[in-house]
N, C-alpha and C. Protein backbone atom coordinates (compact mmCIF):
# COMPACT_ATOMS: atom_id res chain seq x y z
N MET A 1 -15.77 -31.07 15.90
CA MET A 1 -14.35 -31.07 15.35
C MET A 1 -13.89 -29.67 14.78
N SER A 2 -13.11 -28.59 15.18
CA SER A 2 -12.98 -27.23 14.00
C SER A 2 -12.39 -27.57 13.33
N GLU A 3 -12.76 -26.77 12.06
CA GLU A 3 -12.08 -27.16 10.68
C GLU A 3 -10.39 -26.32 11.11
N ALA A 4 -9.51 -27.10 10.19
CA ALA A 4 -8.10 -26.48 10.27
C ALA A 4 -8.15 -25.18 9.53
N THR A 5 -7.23 -24.41 10.15
CA THR A 5 -7.37 -23.22 9.43
C THR A 5 -6.45 -23.18 8.20
N PRO A 6 -6.71 -22.45 7.11
CA PRO A 6 -5.99 -22.61 5.75
C PRO A 6 -4.46 -21.82 5.95
N ALA A 7 -3.54 -22.72 5.32
CA ALA A 7 -2.08 -21.72 5.46
C ALA A 7 -2.41 -20.51 5.12
N ALA A 8 -1.54 -19.67 5.41
CA ALA A 8 -1.45 -18.46 4.65
C ALA A 8 -0.61 -18.75 3.31
N PRO A 9 -1.16 -17.84 2.33
CA PRO A 9 0.04 -18.18 0.90
C PRO A 9 1.27 -17.78 1.29
N THR A 10 2.14 -18.62 0.83
CA THR A 10 3.80 -17.68 1.00
C THR A 10 3.71 -16.88 -0.34
N GLU A 11 4.42 -15.93 0.74
CA GLU A 11 4.84 -14.86 -0.29
C GLU A 11 6.41 -15.19 -1.14
N THR A 12 6.11 -14.75 -2.18
CA THR A 12 7.13 -14.80 -2.78
C THR A 12 8.34 -14.02 -2.54
N PRO A 13 9.54 -14.14 -2.71
CA PRO A 13 10.76 -13.37 -2.13
C PRO A 13 11.07 -12.66 -2.89
N ARG A 14 11.36 -11.04 -2.86
CA ARG A 14 11.69 -10.30 -3.41
C ARG A 14 12.78 -10.61 -3.98
N HIS A 15 13.80 -11.22 -3.65
CA HIS A 15 15.31 -11.39 -4.26
C HIS A 15 15.19 -13.15 -4.54
N ARG A 16 14.99 -13.58 -5.69
CA ARG A 16 14.89 -14.90 -5.85
C ARG A 16 15.52 -15.61 -7.56
N ILE A 17 16.12 -15.84 -7.51
CA ILE A 17 16.44 -16.25 -9.10
C ILE A 17 15.60 -17.51 -9.46
N ARG A 18 14.75 -17.02 -10.38
CA ARG A 18 13.45 -18.22 -10.86
C ARG A 18 13.88 -18.46 -12.64
N ALA A 19 14.46 -19.68 -12.93
CA ALA A 19 14.62 -20.08 -14.44
C ALA A 19 14.30 -21.15 -14.84
N ALA A 20 14.21 -21.69 -16.17
CA ALA A 20 14.12 -22.97 -17.00
C ALA A 20 15.60 -23.57 -16.18
N HIS A 21 15.25 -24.61 -15.63
CA HIS A 21 16.75 -25.30 -15.49
C HIS A 21 16.86 -26.55 -15.36
N THR A 22 17.42 -27.53 -15.80
CA THR A 22 17.65 -29.26 -15.69
C THR A 22 18.75 -29.26 -14.49
N ALA A 23 19.29 -30.56 -14.43
CA ALA A 23 20.15 -30.77 -13.79
C ALA A 23 21.54 -30.29 -13.65
N THR A 24 21.91 -29.94 -14.95
CA THR A 24 23.39 -29.78 -15.27
C THR A 24 23.17 -28.39 -16.19
N THR A 25 21.94 -27.90 -16.30
CA THR A 25 22.01 -26.35 -17.62
C THR A 25 21.03 -25.44 -17.13
N VAL A 26 21.22 -24.46 -17.13
CA VAL A 26 19.93 -23.22 -17.09
C VAL A 26 19.78 -22.37 -18.53
N THR A 27 18.61 -22.29 -18.26
CA THR A 27 18.50 -21.41 -19.72
C THR A 27 18.12 -20.03 -19.20
N VAL A 28 18.91 -18.78 -20.21
CA VAL A 28 18.55 -17.59 -20.13
C VAL A 28 18.34 -16.98 -21.50
N TYR A 29 18.05 -15.61 -21.65
CA TYR A 29 17.40 -15.13 -22.37
C TYR A 29 18.47 -13.89 -23.38
N GLN A 30 18.44 -13.87 -24.34
CA GLN A 30 18.88 -12.47 -25.05
C GLN A 30 18.37 -12.44 -26.31
N ALA A 31 18.06 -10.84 -26.63
CA ALA A 31 17.60 -10.58 -28.06
C ALA A 31 18.78 -9.67 -28.90
N TYR A 32 18.66 -10.18 -29.52
CA TYR A 32 19.73 -9.22 -30.86
C TYR A 32 19.19 -8.94 -32.46
N ALA A 33 19.92 -8.36 -33.03
CA ALA A 33 19.39 -8.16 -34.63
C ALA A 33 19.74 -9.55 -35.47
N PRO A 34 18.98 -9.34 -36.38
CA PRO A 34 18.97 -10.80 -36.95
C PRO A 34 20.32 -11.43 -37.49
N HIS A 35 21.07 -10.80 -37.90
CA HIS A 35 22.54 -10.64 -38.16
C HIS A 35 23.19 -11.24 -37.46
N LEU A 36 23.01 -11.12 -36.11
CA LEU A 36 23.81 -11.93 -35.01
C LEU A 36 22.62 -13.39 -34.34
N GLY A 37 21.43 -12.93 -33.97
CA GLY A 37 20.35 -13.69 -33.45
C GLY A 37 20.48 -15.23 -34.67
N VAL A 38 20.07 -14.99 -35.72
CA VAL A 38 19.89 -15.78 -36.52
C VAL A 38 20.74 -17.22 -36.64
N PRO A 39 22.25 -16.55 -37.40
CA PRO A 39 23.23 -17.43 -37.13
C PRO A 39 23.81 -18.33 -35.88
N ALA A 40 23.40 -17.47 -34.92
CA ALA A 40 23.44 -17.93 -33.34
C ALA A 40 22.58 -19.21 -33.37
N ALA A 41 21.54 -19.16 -33.58
CA ALA A 41 20.45 -20.18 -33.75
C ALA A 41 20.73 -21.49 -34.52
N ARG A 42 21.08 -20.97 -35.63
CA ARG A 42 21.37 -21.99 -36.78
C ARG A 42 22.53 -22.73 -36.36
N ASP A 43 23.86 -22.11 -35.41
CA ASP A 43 24.76 -22.85 -35.53
C ASP A 43 24.96 -23.71 -34.23
N GLY A 44 24.11 -22.88 -33.23
CA GLY A 44 23.98 -23.16 -31.81
C GLY A 44 25.24 -22.68 -30.95
N ARG A 45 25.86 -21.68 -31.62
CA ARG A 45 26.80 -21.19 -31.07
C ARG A 45 26.85 -19.49 -31.49
N PHE A 46 27.86 -18.71 -30.85
CA PHE A 46 27.73 -17.50 -31.24
C PHE A 46 28.61 -17.15 -32.52
N PRO A 47 28.30 -16.41 -33.23
CA PRO A 47 29.29 -16.26 -34.46
C PRO A 47 30.22 -15.35 -34.28
N ALA A 48 31.42 -15.13 -35.03
CA ALA A 48 32.19 -14.58 -34.65
C ALA A 48 32.27 -12.84 -34.71
N ALA A 49 31.15 -12.57 -35.27
CA ALA A 49 31.11 -11.20 -35.14
C ALA A 49 30.56 -10.61 -33.94
N TRP A 50 30.50 -11.52 -33.16
CA TRP A 50 29.23 -11.41 -31.39
C TRP A 50 30.82 -10.98 -30.77
N LYS A 51 30.65 -9.61 -29.93
CA LYS A 51 31.65 -9.25 -29.76
C LYS A 51 32.10 -10.02 -28.07
N ARG A 52 33.14 -10.43 -27.89
CA ARG A 52 33.30 -11.17 -26.69
C ARG A 52 33.85 -10.39 -25.51
N GLU A 53 34.69 -9.34 -26.05
CA GLU A 53 35.04 -8.08 -25.00
C GLU A 53 34.34 -6.93 -24.43
N ARG A 54 32.95 -7.14 -24.60
CA ARG A 54 32.00 -6.59 -24.40
C ARG A 54 31.17 -7.19 -23.35
N MET A 55 30.15 -6.60 -22.45
CA MET A 55 29.65 -6.77 -21.40
C MET A 55 28.32 -7.35 -21.96
N THR A 56 28.43 -8.36 -21.58
CA THR A 56 26.62 -9.36 -22.18
C THR A 56 25.94 -9.09 -20.90
N TRP A 57 24.55 -9.04 -21.02
CA TRP A 57 23.58 -9.32 -20.00
C TRP A 57 22.77 -10.48 -20.71
N ILE A 58 22.48 -11.58 -19.41
CA ILE A 58 21.76 -12.57 -19.80
C ILE A 58 20.84 -12.52 -18.80
N LYS A 59 19.64 -13.26 -19.12
CA LYS A 59 18.13 -12.96 -18.37
C LYS A 59 17.46 -14.30 -18.32
N PRO A 60 17.27 -14.81 -16.93
CA PRO A 60 16.78 -15.81 -16.78
C PRO A 60 15.08 -16.10 -16.64
N SER A 61 14.80 -14.86 -16.91
CA SER A 61 13.58 -14.74 -17.11
C SER A 61 12.56 -14.03 -18.49
N PHE A 62 11.92 -15.17 -18.75
CA PHE A 62 11.18 -14.78 -20.34
C PHE A 62 10.51 -13.61 -20.45
N LEU A 63 9.80 -13.25 -19.58
CA LEU A 63 8.73 -12.25 -19.41
C LEU A 63 9.84 -10.76 -19.12
N TRP A 64 10.63 -11.20 -18.38
CA TRP A 64 11.58 -9.85 -18.44
C TRP A 64 12.30 -9.20 -19.70
N MET A 65 12.37 -10.80 -21.00
CA MET A 65 13.41 -10.23 -21.63
C MET A 65 12.26 -9.64 -22.52
N MET A 66 11.13 -10.12 -22.46
CA MET A 66 9.85 -9.77 -23.30
C MET A 66 9.60 -8.00 -22.98
N TYR A 67 9.73 -7.44 -21.60
CA TYR A 67 9.58 -6.53 -21.27
C TYR A 67 10.92 -5.66 -22.06
N ARG A 68 12.28 -6.15 -22.17
CA ARG A 68 13.07 -5.61 -22.30
C ARG A 68 13.10 -5.51 -23.75
N CYS A 69 12.74 -6.09 -24.90
CA CYS A 69 12.85 -6.14 -26.04
C CYS A 69 11.31 -5.86 -26.59
N GLY A 70 10.51 -5.50 -25.97
CA GLY A 70 9.08 -5.07 -26.73
C GLY A 70 8.42 -6.63 -27.26
N TRP A 71 8.37 -7.63 -26.81
CA TRP A 71 8.27 -8.64 -27.77
C TRP A 71 8.79 -9.03 -29.09
N ALA A 72 10.18 -8.88 -29.27
CA ALA A 72 10.84 -8.94 -30.65
C ALA A 72 10.36 -7.74 -31.27
N ALA A 73 10.03 -6.57 -30.90
CA ALA A 73 9.82 -5.59 -31.86
C ALA A 73 10.42 -4.19 -31.55
N LYS A 74 11.52 -4.23 -30.86
CA LYS A 74 12.46 -3.20 -30.69
C LYS A 74 13.34 -3.56 -31.80
N ALA A 75 14.21 -2.21 -32.03
CA ALA A 75 15.33 -2.37 -33.14
C ALA A 75 16.49 -3.23 -32.70
N ASP A 76 16.98 -3.65 -33.59
CA ASP A 76 18.31 -4.63 -33.06
C ASP A 76 17.88 -5.63 -32.12
N GLN A 77 16.60 -6.04 -31.58
CA GLN A 77 16.00 -6.58 -30.82
C GLN A 77 15.14 -7.75 -31.21
N GLU A 78 15.07 -7.95 -32.64
CA GLU A 78 14.13 -8.53 -33.11
C GLU A 78 14.18 -10.25 -33.24
N THR A 79 15.37 -10.76 -32.94
CA THR A 79 15.60 -12.05 -32.71
C THR A 79 16.01 -12.47 -31.19
N VAL A 80 15.14 -13.38 -30.72
CA VAL A 80 15.16 -13.33 -29.47
C VAL A 80 15.38 -15.02 -29.08
N LEU A 81 16.47 -15.03 -28.36
CA LEU A 81 17.71 -16.36 -28.16
C LEU A 81 17.35 -17.08 -27.23
N ALA A 82 16.97 -18.49 -26.81
CA ALA A 82 17.05 -19.34 -25.59
C ALA A 82 18.42 -19.71 -25.40
N VAL A 83 18.98 -19.45 -24.57
CA VAL A 83 20.40 -20.00 -24.53
C VAL A 83 20.98 -20.56 -23.13
N GLU A 84 21.02 -22.02 -23.49
CA GLU A 84 21.11 -22.74 -22.26
C GLU A 84 22.38 -23.12 -22.39
N ILE A 85 22.76 -22.80 -20.74
CA ILE A 85 24.32 -22.91 -20.41
C ILE A 85 24.49 -23.65 -19.42
N SER A 86 25.72 -23.92 -19.01
CA SER A 86 26.10 -24.95 -18.32
C SER A 86 25.84 -24.28 -16.60
N ARG A 87 25.42 -25.04 -15.90
CA ARG A 87 24.89 -24.44 -14.17
C ARG A 87 26.27 -24.15 -13.54
N GLU A 88 27.39 -24.96 -13.89
CA GLU A 88 28.78 -24.53 -13.52
C GLU A 88 29.14 -23.51 -13.94
N GLY A 89 28.92 -22.70 -15.12
CA GLY A 89 29.39 -21.80 -15.69
C GLY A 89 28.54 -20.69 -14.78
N PHE A 90 27.31 -20.83 -15.03
CA PHE A 90 26.32 -20.12 -14.25
C PHE A 90 26.55 -19.63 -12.93
N ASP A 91 26.71 -20.63 -12.06
CA ASP A 91 27.34 -20.95 -10.78
C ASP A 91 28.19 -19.70 -10.48
N ARG A 92 29.52 -20.21 -11.04
CA ARG A 92 30.86 -19.57 -10.92
C ARG A 92 30.40 -18.25 -11.04
N ALA A 93 29.76 -17.64 -12.24
CA ALA A 93 29.48 -16.21 -12.54
C ALA A 93 29.09 -15.92 -11.66
N LEU A 94 27.94 -16.29 -10.38
CA LEU A 94 27.12 -15.85 -9.47
C LEU A 94 27.92 -15.48 -8.37
N ALA A 95 29.33 -16.32 -7.98
CA ALA A 95 30.10 -16.58 -6.66
C ALA A 95 31.06 -15.20 -7.24
N GLN A 96 31.16 -14.97 -8.72
CA GLN A 96 32.04 -14.02 -8.40
C GLN A 96 31.50 -12.80 -8.69
N ALA A 97 30.06 -12.46 -9.00
CA ALA A 97 29.36 -11.56 -9.49
C ALA A 97 29.69 -10.16 -8.14
N CYS A 98 29.06 -9.15 -8.59
CA CYS A 98 29.10 -8.11 -7.83
C CYS A 98 27.77 -7.35 -8.06
N LEU A 99 27.37 -6.65 -7.04
CA LEU A 99 25.58 -5.96 -7.47
C LEU A 99 26.41 -4.79 -8.12
N SER A 100 25.52 -4.02 -9.23
CA SER A 100 25.73 -3.00 -10.30
C SER A 100 25.74 -2.02 -9.26
N HIS A 101 25.03 -1.72 -8.23
CA HIS A 101 24.97 -0.43 -7.52
C HIS A 101 25.54 -0.52 -6.03
N TYR A 102 25.78 0.33 -5.32
CA TYR A 102 25.95 0.27 -3.89
C TYR A 102 24.86 -0.02 -2.64
N VAL A 103 24.93 -0.97 -2.09
CA VAL A 103 23.63 -1.27 -1.30
C VAL A 103 24.41 -1.62 0.38
N PRO A 104 23.63 -0.48 1.15
CA PRO A 104 24.16 -0.60 2.67
C PRO A 104 23.44 -1.98 3.21
N GLY A 105 24.78 -2.44 4.13
CA GLY A 105 24.27 -3.60 4.68
C GLY A 105 24.88 -4.81 3.89
N VAL A 106 24.84 -4.69 2.70
CA VAL A 106 25.28 -5.83 1.57
C VAL A 106 26.98 -5.71 1.70
N HIS A 107 27.38 -4.37 1.31
CA HIS A 107 28.71 -3.76 1.42
C HIS A 107 29.25 -2.93 2.83
N ALA A 108 30.58 -2.82 2.77
CA ALA A 108 30.91 -2.44 4.29
C ALA A 108 30.76 -0.88 3.78
N ASP A 109 31.25 -0.61 2.63
CA ASP A 109 30.63 0.97 2.37
C ASP A 109 31.18 1.02 0.88
N ARG A 110 31.06 2.47 0.48
CA ARG A 110 31.13 2.64 -1.24
C ARG A 110 32.33 1.91 -1.49
N GLU A 111 33.51 2.39 -1.13
CA GLU A 111 34.69 2.13 -1.19
C GLU A 111 34.98 0.52 -1.69
N ALA A 112 34.37 -0.36 -0.57
CA ALA A 112 34.42 -1.31 -0.77
C ALA A 112 33.91 -1.92 -1.83
N TRP A 113 32.51 -1.43 -2.19
CA TRP A 113 31.66 -1.86 -3.39
C TRP A 113 32.12 -1.53 -4.74
N LYS A 114 32.95 -0.30 -4.61
CA LYS A 114 33.66 0.06 -5.94
C LYS A 114 34.82 -1.11 -6.44
N ALA A 115 35.60 -1.34 -5.07
CA ALA A 115 36.74 -1.98 -5.29
C ALA A 115 36.44 -3.64 -5.85
N SER A 116 35.04 -4.15 -5.04
CA SER A 116 34.36 -5.21 -5.51
C SER A 116 34.11 -5.57 -6.81
N LEU A 117 33.58 -3.74 -7.50
CA LEU A 117 32.78 -4.29 -8.67
C LEU A 117 34.39 -3.78 -9.82
N ALA A 118 35.41 -3.19 -9.56
CA ALA A 118 36.51 -3.25 -10.22
C ALA A 118 36.96 -4.74 -10.36
N GLY A 119 37.28 -5.42 -9.46
CA GLY A 119 37.72 -6.87 -9.59
C GLY A 119 36.86 -7.83 -9.85
N SER A 120 35.42 -7.76 -10.31
CA SER A 120 34.43 -8.61 -10.73
C SER A 120 34.31 -8.85 -12.32
N PRO A 121 34.58 -10.09 -12.85
CA PRO A 121 33.99 -10.34 -14.05
C PRO A 121 32.52 -10.13 -14.70
N ALA A 122 31.51 -9.91 -13.28
CA ALA A 122 30.11 -10.43 -13.43
C ALA A 122 29.46 -9.46 -12.50
N ARG A 123 28.33 -8.70 -12.90
CA ARG A 123 27.60 -8.11 -12.03
C ARG A 123 26.15 -8.13 -11.94
N VAL A 124 25.57 -7.67 -10.73
CA VAL A 124 24.09 -8.32 -10.76
C VAL A 124 23.09 -7.07 -10.70
N GLN A 125 22.03 -7.29 -11.41
CA GLN A 125 20.82 -6.05 -11.23
C GLN A 125 19.77 -6.93 -10.90
N TRP A 126 18.95 -6.44 -9.80
CA TRP A 126 17.32 -7.03 -9.56
C TRP A 126 16.40 -6.28 -10.06
N ASP A 127 15.65 -6.69 -10.90
CA ASP A 127 14.91 -5.34 -11.81
C ASP A 127 13.40 -6.19 -11.40
N PRO A 128 12.21 -5.29 -11.52
CA PRO A 128 11.07 -5.79 -11.47
C PRO A 128 10.69 -6.94 -12.25
N GLU A 129 9.86 -8.08 -11.85
CA GLU A 129 9.67 -9.02 -12.71
C GLU A 129 8.37 -8.38 -13.34
N ARG A 130 8.04 -8.97 -14.47
CA ARG A 130 7.07 -8.53 -15.40
C ARG A 130 5.82 -9.50 -15.23
N ASP A 131 4.57 -8.99 -15.58
CA ASP A 131 3.62 -9.94 -15.82
C ASP A 131 3.43 -10.00 -17.43
N LEU A 132 2.16 -10.81 -18.13
CA LEU A 132 2.02 -11.09 -19.19
C LEU A 132 1.66 -9.72 -19.73
N HIS A 133 1.24 -8.48 -19.30
CA HIS A 133 0.99 -7.32 -19.73
C HIS A 133 2.38 -6.48 -19.56
N LEU A 134 3.56 -7.29 -18.81
CA LEU A 134 4.66 -6.08 -19.14
C LEU A 134 4.79 -5.34 -17.75
N ASN A 135 3.82 -5.53 -16.91
CA ASN A 135 3.46 -4.34 -15.79
C ASN A 135 4.51 -5.20 -14.62
N ALA A 136 5.12 -4.50 -13.92
CA ALA A 136 5.92 -4.56 -12.91
C ALA A 136 5.57 -5.33 -11.76
N LEU A 137 6.12 -6.48 -11.33
CA LEU A 137 5.22 -7.31 -10.21
C LEU A 137 6.15 -6.76 -8.89
N PRO A 138 5.92 -6.99 -7.60
CA PRO A 138 6.61 -6.98 -6.29
C PRO A 138 7.92 -7.28 -6.09
N HIS A 139 8.04 -8.65 -6.83
CA HIS A 139 9.20 -9.45 -6.32
C HIS A 139 9.99 -8.97 -7.77
N ARG A 140 11.73 -9.46 -7.54
CA ARG A 140 12.43 -9.07 -8.59
C ARG A 140 13.08 -10.33 -9.38
N SER A 141 13.90 -9.74 -10.62
CA SER A 141 13.84 -10.90 -11.65
C SER A 141 15.74 -10.56 -11.92
N LEU A 142 16.34 -11.78 -11.94
CA LEU A 142 18.08 -11.35 -12.09
C LEU A 142 18.22 -11.09 -13.51
N GLN A 143 19.22 -10.23 -13.45
CA GLN A 143 19.72 -9.66 -14.86
C GLN A 143 21.56 -9.66 -14.43
N LEU A 144 22.04 -10.94 -15.59
CA LEU A 144 23.35 -10.84 -14.75
C LEU A 144 24.39 -10.40 -15.89
N GLY A 145 25.04 -9.27 -15.46
CA GLY A 145 26.08 -8.95 -16.78
C GLY A 145 27.38 -9.64 -16.71
N LEU A 146 27.70 -10.26 -17.88
CA LEU A 146 29.13 -10.79 -18.00
C LEU A 146 30.21 -9.68 -18.83
N SER A 147 31.43 -9.61 -18.24
CA SER A 147 32.68 -9.12 -19.09
C SER A 147 33.71 -10.12 -19.04
N GLY A 148 34.51 -9.50 -20.12
CA GLY A 148 35.97 -9.96 -20.02
C GLY A 148 36.18 -11.47 -19.87
N PRO A 149 36.91 -12.27 -19.02
CA PRO A 149 36.83 -13.71 -19.09
C PRO A 149 35.36 -14.47 -18.96
N ALA A 150 34.53 -13.57 -18.16
CA ALA A 150 33.02 -14.64 -18.13
C ALA A 150 32.20 -14.26 -19.37
N SER A 151 32.66 -13.38 -19.94
CA SER A 151 31.85 -13.08 -21.47
C SER A 151 32.27 -14.00 -22.26
N ARG A 152 33.74 -13.99 -22.41
CA ARG A 152 34.12 -15.24 -23.48
C ARG A 152 33.91 -16.35 -23.25
N ALA A 153 33.75 -16.86 -22.10
CA ALA A 153 33.56 -18.18 -21.38
C ALA A 153 31.88 -18.76 -21.78
N TYR A 154 31.30 -17.72 -21.33
CA TYR A 154 29.61 -17.89 -21.93
C TYR A 154 29.75 -17.97 -23.21
N ALA A 155 30.35 -17.48 -24.13
CA ALA A 155 30.23 -17.98 -25.50
C ALA A 155 30.69 -19.00 -26.01
N ASP A 156 32.06 -19.36 -25.63
CA ASP A 156 32.60 -20.45 -26.14
C ASP A 156 32.64 -21.63 -25.49
N GLU A 157 32.20 -21.55 -23.97
CA GLU A 157 32.60 -22.77 -23.02
C GLU A 157 31.38 -22.91 -22.67
N TRP A 158 30.39 -21.99 -21.65
CA TRP A 158 29.33 -22.70 -20.53
C TRP A 158 28.04 -22.89 -22.15
N THR A 159 28.03 -22.47 -23.16
CA THR A 159 26.89 -22.69 -24.14
C THR A 159 26.82 -23.96 -24.28
N VAL A 160 25.74 -24.97 -24.22
CA VAL A 160 24.99 -26.05 -24.78
C VAL A 160 24.45 -25.88 -26.16
N SER A 161 23.39 -25.11 -26.04
CA SER A 161 22.64 -24.89 -26.93
C SER A 161 22.01 -23.42 -27.19
N ILE A 162 21.51 -23.22 -28.39
CA ILE A 162 20.48 -21.72 -28.54
C ILE A 162 19.66 -22.17 -29.38
N ARG A 163 18.81 -21.54 -29.20
CA ARG A 163 17.23 -21.57 -29.96
C ARG A 163 16.34 -20.60 -30.10
N ASP A 164 15.96 -19.94 -30.93
CA ASP A 164 15.34 -18.86 -31.76
C ASP A 164 13.95 -19.19 -31.13
N VAL A 165 13.82 -18.18 -29.83
CA VAL A 165 12.11 -18.54 -29.61
C VAL A 165 11.38 -17.43 -30.06
N THR A 166 11.76 -16.61 -31.29
CA THR A 166 10.99 -15.31 -31.74
C THR A 166 9.47 -15.51 -32.12
N PRO A 167 9.30 -17.05 -32.99
CA PRO A 167 8.07 -17.32 -33.07
C PRO A 167 7.13 -17.41 -32.01
N LEU A 168 7.78 -18.14 -30.59
CA LEU A 168 7.00 -18.09 -29.28
C LEU A 168 6.64 -16.98 -28.96
N ALA A 169 7.61 -15.83 -28.66
CA ALA A 169 7.05 -14.84 -28.27
C ALA A 169 6.00 -14.32 -28.76
N ARG A 170 6.11 -13.86 -30.21
CA ARG A 170 5.39 -13.59 -30.88
C ARG A 170 3.71 -13.94 -30.81
N GLU A 171 3.59 -15.58 -30.83
CA GLU A 171 2.06 -16.59 -30.65
C GLU A 171 2.06 -15.88 -29.47
N ILE A 172 2.99 -15.96 -27.76
CA ILE A 172 2.16 -15.50 -26.26
C ILE A 172 1.63 -13.72 -26.90
N HIS A 173 2.32 -13.10 -27.54
CA HIS A 173 2.07 -11.54 -27.50
C HIS A 173 0.70 -11.56 -28.13
N GLY A 174 0.39 -12.52 -29.20
CA GLY A 174 -0.71 -12.65 -29.89
C GLY A 174 -1.88 -12.81 -29.14
N LEU A 175 -1.63 -13.94 -28.37
CA LEU A 175 -3.01 -14.38 -27.23
C LEU A 175 -2.85 -12.96 -25.81
N VAL A 176 -2.16 -12.55 -26.06
CA VAL A 176 -2.26 -11.46 -24.68
C VAL A 176 -3.02 -10.32 -25.29
N ARG A 177 -2.77 -10.01 -26.64
CA ARG A 177 -3.17 -8.96 -27.26
C ARG A 177 -4.82 -9.19 -27.32
N ALA A 178 -5.00 -10.67 -27.80
CA ALA A 178 -6.38 -10.96 -28.04
C ALA A 178 -7.49 -11.12 -26.52
N GLY A 179 -6.56 -11.00 -25.50
CA GLY A 179 -7.36 -11.21 -24.15
C GLY A 179 -7.26 -12.60 -23.81
N ASP A 180 -6.49 -13.63 -24.18
CA ASP A 180 -6.67 -15.05 -24.21
C ASP A 180 -5.32 -15.31 -23.38
N LEU A 181 -5.52 -14.62 -21.94
CA LEU A 181 -4.17 -15.18 -21.15
C LEU A 181 -4.16 -16.32 -20.73
N ASP A 182 -5.11 -17.06 -20.41
CA ASP A 182 -4.91 -18.73 -20.07
C ASP A 182 -3.94 -19.14 -20.92
N SER A 183 -4.25 -18.95 -22.20
CA SER A 183 -3.64 -19.87 -23.31
C SER A 183 -2.21 -19.36 -23.27
N ALA A 184 -1.94 -17.81 -23.11
CA ALA A 184 -0.77 -17.70 -23.21
C ALA A 184 0.05 -17.66 -22.10
N ARG A 185 -0.22 -17.80 -21.31
CA ARG A 185 0.69 -18.05 -19.81
C ARG A 185 0.80 -19.97 -19.99
N ALA A 186 0.00 -20.72 -20.59
CA ALA A 186 0.55 -21.77 -20.83
C ALA A 186 1.51 -22.30 -21.88
N LEU A 187 1.56 -21.12 -22.17
CA LEU A 187 2.83 -21.28 -23.43
C LEU A 187 3.94 -20.64 -23.18
N LEU A 188 4.35 -20.08 -21.44
CA LEU A 188 5.44 -19.83 -21.04
C LEU A 188 6.32 -20.89 -20.77
N PRO A 189 7.39 -20.40 -20.73
CA PRO A 189 8.55 -21.69 -20.23
C PRO A 189 8.35 -21.68 -18.85
N ALA A 190 8.22 -22.51 -18.50
CA ALA A 190 8.30 -23.28 -16.71
C ALA A 190 9.50 -22.77 -16.19
N GLU A 191 9.45 -21.78 -15.54
CA GLU A 191 10.40 -21.35 -14.36
C GLU A 191 10.60 -20.94 -13.07
N THR A 192 11.17 -22.08 -12.50
CA THR A 192 10.92 -22.50 -11.01
C THR A 192 12.29 -21.99 -10.44
N PRO A 193 12.36 -21.92 -9.26
CA PRO A 193 13.35 -21.44 -8.30
C PRO A 193 14.32 -22.30 -8.60
N TYR A 194 15.43 -21.37 -8.41
CA TYR A 194 16.92 -22.11 -8.96
C TYR A 194 17.76 -22.04 -7.83
N PRO A 195 18.06 -23.28 -7.40
CA PRO A 195 18.94 -23.61 -6.44
C PRO A 195 20.48 -23.20 -5.95
N ALA A 196 20.30 -22.14 -6.32
CA ALA A 196 21.82 -21.18 -6.27
C ALA A 196 22.04 -21.09 -4.71
N GLY A 197 21.23 -21.34 -3.75
CA GLY A 197 21.58 -21.07 -2.15
C GLY A 197 21.73 -19.60 -1.62
N PRO A 198 21.72 -19.61 -0.54
CA PRO A 198 21.76 -17.83 -0.27
C PRO A 198 23.02 -17.34 -1.30
N LEU A 199 22.68 -16.20 -1.54
CA LEU A 199 23.87 -15.17 -2.13
C LEU A 199 23.64 -14.00 -1.48
N PRO A 200 24.08 -13.81 -0.42
CA PRO A 200 24.73 -12.40 0.49
C PRO A 200 24.90 -11.44 -0.06
N HIS A 201 26.13 -11.90 -1.08
CA HIS A 201 26.99 -10.95 -1.76
C HIS A 201 26.01 -10.13 -2.60
N LEU A 202 25.12 -10.82 -3.04
CA LEU A 202 24.09 -10.13 -4.05
C LEU A 202 22.86 -9.67 -3.95
N GLY A 203 22.78 -9.38 -2.34
CA GLY A 203 21.46 -9.14 -1.77
C GLY A 203 20.27 -10.29 -1.51
N ALA A 204 20.74 -11.38 -1.95
CA ALA A 204 19.52 -12.61 -2.25
C ALA A 204 20.08 -13.68 -0.80
């Protein structure tokens, strides 16, 4: 009897949301200067000084956040927050979002993309996911930008909890620098495919 041919490894889709999530919430990451990040984590909500009228970018990928903030070493990004928000709010933002740049095949033409972008309270960028050394991987990680009503809802309605994960970031970074990648990997938040369904308007 011949042996069964082993199944080919499943290739990671180029565009797919991966996140730590529960039945009702999804965790995203942001990094702030301590004067904003510390009170946000302490009180479990964003302080009044957090500018709700500005666009804010949330990231479900912990390692992409580490790439962006340099393991919490970049100026004004020394406090890394894990923000647990409602899936209802996250899903609504995805449904209303527009890609931050024109993509043929997703948009009918540039004018259609511009009109969609102008009327959307959320926008999406797909940036290369990162490994423990913060090198780019072939698949992409979601960044979700929120403005206007979506930004205000994120801060004041969707947020369930806010945790300061700066010590975790520094611990993982220390293990990476020591060459102990297995221990570093074991500490990473468990991010699994998020059941958002097809998102053709976002190229996914």
